[in-house]
Amino acid sequence: MINKENKIKQTASLLKAIGHPIRVDIILCLSQNRNMTVTELCVNLDIHQPILSLHLGVLRNQNVIKVKKEGKKSIYSISDISIKQIISIIYHTRTLS
């Protein structure tokens, strides 16, 4: 059983992981397109591959996204629909004000 202090630390770590503009953009992009390769993400986000890989690693470490290997390709997707919903709610609420 996870105690309250551990849950708070896990929540803070998750919020820190998703709290970078590039990572929010990655989540929004994957939310719209479901599954994407690194190349597709680079093109859609107009970002260089090494920078993207760094941010994908942070999101993977927090289980925000998952990766599936298909040959030499890595296919990324959102791990949990609740993350997609949280980002969408915040994004749309902030853009309406």
Protein backbone atom coordinates (compact mmCIF):
# COMPACT_ATOMS: atom_id res chain seq x y z
CA MET A 1 0.00 0.00 0.00
CA ILE A 2 1.31 3.42 -0.93
CA ASN A 3 1.19 5.92 1.90
CA LYS A 4 0.14 9.55 1.51
CA GLU A 5 3.71 10.92 1.49
CA ASN A 6 4.73 8.58 -1.34
CA LYS A 7 1.62 9.46 -3.34
CA ILE A 8 2.39 13.15 -2.95
CA LYS A 9 5.99 12.61 -4.13
CA GLN A 10 4.81 10.54 -7.10
CA THR A 11 2.26 13.19 -8.04
CA ALA A 12 4.87 15.95 -7.81
CA SER A 13 7.26 13.93 -10.00
CA LEU A 14 4.55 13.39 -12.59
CA LEU A 15 3.62 17.08 -12.65
CA LYS A 16 7.30 18.00 -12.99
CA ALA A 17 7.64 15.58 -15.91
CA ILE A 18 4.66 16.99 -17.79
CA GLY A 19 5.43 20.58 -16.80
CA HIS A 20 7.75 21.43 -19.69
CA PRO A 21 6.33 23.07 -22.84
CA ILE A 22 7.96 20.55 -25.18
CA ARG A 23 6.57 17.65 -23.14
CA VAL A 24 3.09 19.15 -23.15
CA ASP A 25 3.40 19.48 -26.93
CA ILE A 26 4.49 15.83 -27.20
CA ILE A 27 1.48 14.71 -25.14
CA LEU A 28 -0.92 16.85 -27.19
CA CYS A 29 0.55 15.51 -30.44
CA LEU A 30 0.30 11.89 -29.29
CA SER A 31 -3.23 12.55 -28.02
CA GLN A 32 -4.31 13.61 -31.50
CA ASN A 33 -2.37 11.04 -33.50
CA ARG A 34 -2.36 8.04 -31.11
CA ASN A 35 0.86 6.31 -32.24
CA MET A 36 3.86 8.09 -33.71
CA THR A 37 7.49 7.35 -34.53
CA VAL A 38 10.34 9.60 -33.43
CA THR A 39 10.63 10.89 -37.00
CA GLU A 40 6.92 11.74 -37.13
CA LEU A 41 7.14 13.54 -33.79
CA CYS A 42 10.22 15.49 -34.94
CA VAL A 43 8.40 16.65 -38.07
CA ASN A 44 5.12 17.47 -36.30
CA LEU A 45 6.78 19.31 -33.43
CA ASP A 46 9.57 20.88 -35.52
CA ILE A 47 12.19 19.72 -33.03
CA HIS A 48 15.60 18.10 -33.41
CA GLN A 49 15.80 14.38 -32.64
CA PRO A 50 18.33 14.56 -29.73
CA ILE A 51 16.18 17.11 -27.89
CA LEU A 52 13.03 15.09 -28.55
CA SER A 53 14.69 11.89 -27.30
CA LEU A 54 15.63 13.60 -24.04
CA HIS A 55 12.04 14.67 -23.42
CA LEU A 56 10.62 11.30 -24.48
CA GLY A 57 12.93 9.69 -21.91
CA VAL A 58 11.58 11.89 -19.12
CA LEU A 59 7.99 11.06 -20.08
CA ARG A 60 8.77 7.33 -20.34
CA ASN A 61 10.42 7.32 -16.91
CA GLN A 62 7.19 8.64 -15.42
CA ASN A 63 5.06 6.19 -17.45
CA VAL A 64 3.30 9.05 -19.23
CA ILE A 65 4.12 7.49 -22.59
CA LYS A 66 5.04 4.01 -23.72
CA VAL A 67 7.12 2.75 -26.60
CA LYS A 68 6.66 -0.28 -28.80
CA LYS A 69 9.44 -1.52 -31.06
CA GLU A 70 8.56 -2.48 -34.63
CA GLY A 71 11.79 -3.52 -36.28
CA LYS A 72 14.08 -0.50 -36.07
CA LYS A 73 11.19 1.88 -35.41
CA SER A 74 10.05 3.00 -31.98
CA ILE A 75 6.33 3.78 -31.84
CA TYR A 76 5.27 6.10 -29.02
CA SER A 77 1.81 6.45 -27.50
CA ILE A 78 0.14 7.75 -24.34
CA SER A 79 0.30 5.19 -21.52
CA ASP A 80 -2.81 6.25 -19.67
CA ILE A 81 -5.88 8.04 -21.00
CA SER A 82 -6.13 10.06 -17.77
CA ILE A 83 -2.90 11.91 -18.65
CA LYS A 84 -4.38 12.81 -22.02
CA GLN A 85 -7.55 14.07 -20.33
CA ILE A 86 -5.67 16.12 -17.72
CA ILE A 87 -3.50 17.87 -20.32
CA SER A 88 -6.49 18.47 -22.59
CA ILE A 89 -8.55 20.01 -19.78
CA ILE A 90 -5.72 22.31 -18.68
CA TYR A 91 -4.81 23.24 -22.26
CA HIS A 92 -8.37 24.11 -23.27
CA THR A 93 -9.15 25.90 -20.01
CA ARG A 94 -6.05 28.09 -20.28
CA THR A 95 -6.56 28.91 -23.95
CA LEU A 96 -10.14 30.03 -23.36
CA SER A 97 -9.25 32.68 -20.76
